[in-house]
Protein backbone atom coordinates (compact mmCIF):
# COMPACT_ATOMS: atom_id res chain seq x y z
CA UNK A 1 -12.70 -19.99 23.42
CA UNK A 2 -13.51 -17.41 20.38
CA UNK A 3 -10.54 -15.99 18.80
CA UNK A 4 -12.62 -12.84 17.63
CA UNK A 5 -12.87 -11.87 21.35
CA UNK A 6 -9.09 -12.12 21.89
CA UNK A 7 -8.82 -8.38 21.25
CA UNK A 8 -6.32 -7.15 23.82
CA UNK A 9 -2.51 -7.43 23.55
CA UNK A 10 -0.69 -8.38 26.24
CA UNK A 11 2.84 -9.15 27.73
CA UNK A 12 3.56 -11.82 30.43
CA UNK A 13 6.66 -10.98 32.36
CA UNK A 14 8.86 -12.81 35.02
CA UNK A 15 10.93 -11.37 37.64
CA UNK A 16 14.62 -12.11 36.81
CA UNK A 17 17.43 -11.36 39.27
CA UNK A 18 20.80 -10.55 38.36
CA UNK A 19 23.76 -10.33 40.49
CA UNK A 20 26.57 -7.80 39.93
CA UNK A 21 30.30 -7.87 40.45
CA UNK A 22 29.82 -6.35 43.57
CA UNK A 23 27.49 -8.85 44.88
CA UNK A 24 24.18 -6.42 44.61
CA UNK A 25 21.32 -8.15 43.68
CA UNK A 26 18.78 -6.53 41.38
CA UNK A 27 15.44 -7.49 39.75
CA UNK A 28 13.88 -6.69 36.89
CA UNK A 29 10.75 -7.67 34.96
CA UNK A 30 11.52 -9.56 31.69
CA UNK A 31 8.84 -10.31 28.98
CA UNK A 32 8.63 -14.12 28.31
CA UNK A 33 5.33 -14.35 26.20
CA UNK A 34 3.22 -12.24 24.05
CA UNK A 35 -0.29 -12.73 22.84
CA UNK A 36 -3.82 -11.59 22.94
CA UNK A 37 -6.37 -12.12 25.66
CA UNK A 38 -10.10 -11.37 26.35
CA UNK A 39 -10.36 -8.85 29.02
CA UNK A 40 -13.40 -9.18 31.35
CA UNK A 41 -14.33 -6.95 34.46
CA UNK A 42 -13.84 -8.88 37.63
CA UNK A 43 -17.16 -10.32 38.84
CA UNK A 44 -19.13 -9.35 41.98
CA UNK A 45 -17.16 -11.81 44.49
CA UNK A 46 -14.05 -9.76 43.83
CA UNK A 47 -16.15 -6.69 44.06
CA UNK A 48 -16.77 -7.62 47.61
CA UNK A 49 -13.67 -8.71 48.84
CA UNK A 50 -11.77 -5.56 47.78
CA UNK A 51 -13.55 -3.47 50.81
CA UNK A 52 -14.37 -0.39 48.64
CA UNK A 53 -11.23 -0.14 46.36
CA UNK A 54 -13.21 -0.49 43.30
CA UNK A 55 -13.65 -2.97 40.47
CA UNK A 56 -11.26 -0.80 38.06
CA UNK A 57 -8.35 -2.47 40.14
CA UNK A 58 -9.24 -6.20 39.36
CA UNK A 59 -9.48 -7.97 36.08
CA UNK A 60 -9.70 -11.23 34.31
CA UNK A 61 -7.72 -12.17 31.30
CA UNK A 62 -8.66 -15.02 29.17
CA UNK A 63 -5.65 -16.21 27.10
CA UNK A 64 -4.90 -19.46 25.03
CA UNK A 65 -3.25 -22.30 27.22
CA UNK A 66 0.46 -21.26 27.88
CA UNK A 67 2.68 -23.85 30.03
CA UNK A 68 4.39 -22.46 33.04
CA UNK A 69 2.37 -19.43 33.84
CA UNK A 70 2.42 -19.06 37.74
CA UNK A 71 1.23 -16.36 40.18
CA UNK A 72 4.54 -14.87 40.55
CA UNK A 73 4.19 -13.68 37.04
CA UNK A 74 2.69 -10.51 36.08
CA UNK A 75 0.75 -9.13 32.85
CA UNK A 76 1.57 -5.77 31.11
CA UNK A 77 -1.37 -4.29 29.27
CA UNK A 78 -1.62 -0.72 28.11
CA UNK A 79 1.33 0.05 29.83
CA UNK A 80 -0.22 -0.92 33.16
CA UNK A 81 1.19 -3.81 34.86
CA UNK A 82 -1.38 -6.27 36.59
CA UNK A 83 -0.14 -8.84 39.31
CA UNK A 84 -1.61 -12.54 38.99
CA UNK A 85 -3.51 -13.41 41.79
CA UNK A 86 -5.24 -16.64 40.61
CA UNK A 87 -5.10 -19.05 37.61
CA UNK A 88 -7.69 -21.33 36.33
CA UNK A 89 -7.14 -23.98 33.48
CA UNK A 90 -10.13 -23.92 30.58
CA UNK A 91 -10.94 -27.18 29.43
CA UNK A 92 -7.83 -29.36 29.14
CA UNK A 93 -4.88 -27.22 27.84
CA UNK A 94 -7.51 -24.88 25.89
CA UNK A 95 -7.09 -21.85 27.88
CA UNK A 96 -6.15 -19.79 31.00
CA UNK A 97 -8.15 -17.72 33.17
CA UNK A 98 -6.01 -15.27 34.84
CA UNK A 99 -7.17 -13.26 37.81
CA UNK A 100 -5.30 -10.08 38.47
CA UNK A 101 -4.84 -7.06 40.56
CA UNK A 102 -3.51 -3.75 39.41
CA UNK A 103 -0.12 -3.51 40.41
């Protein structure tokens, strides 16, 4: 992974739930990590599986390795939220390949 390609600032967010005194449960996204990522457009296989939605709704974010990232999390990049749909480890704790769909 080349650090010069990590040009995009991102935030990793996780849903947290709070319970009010009345018993109502509300959830909100909370940032648990910030960093830099390389943003790549999704490949042809993702384009073919979207059934005409367009490639702009799919992206691949390459980040340095971070423990605990899951598909329940999301990425915030330039004010746009991206839901993580797949995670692949690059090397041995070298980086993560996060495949995401626009929320």
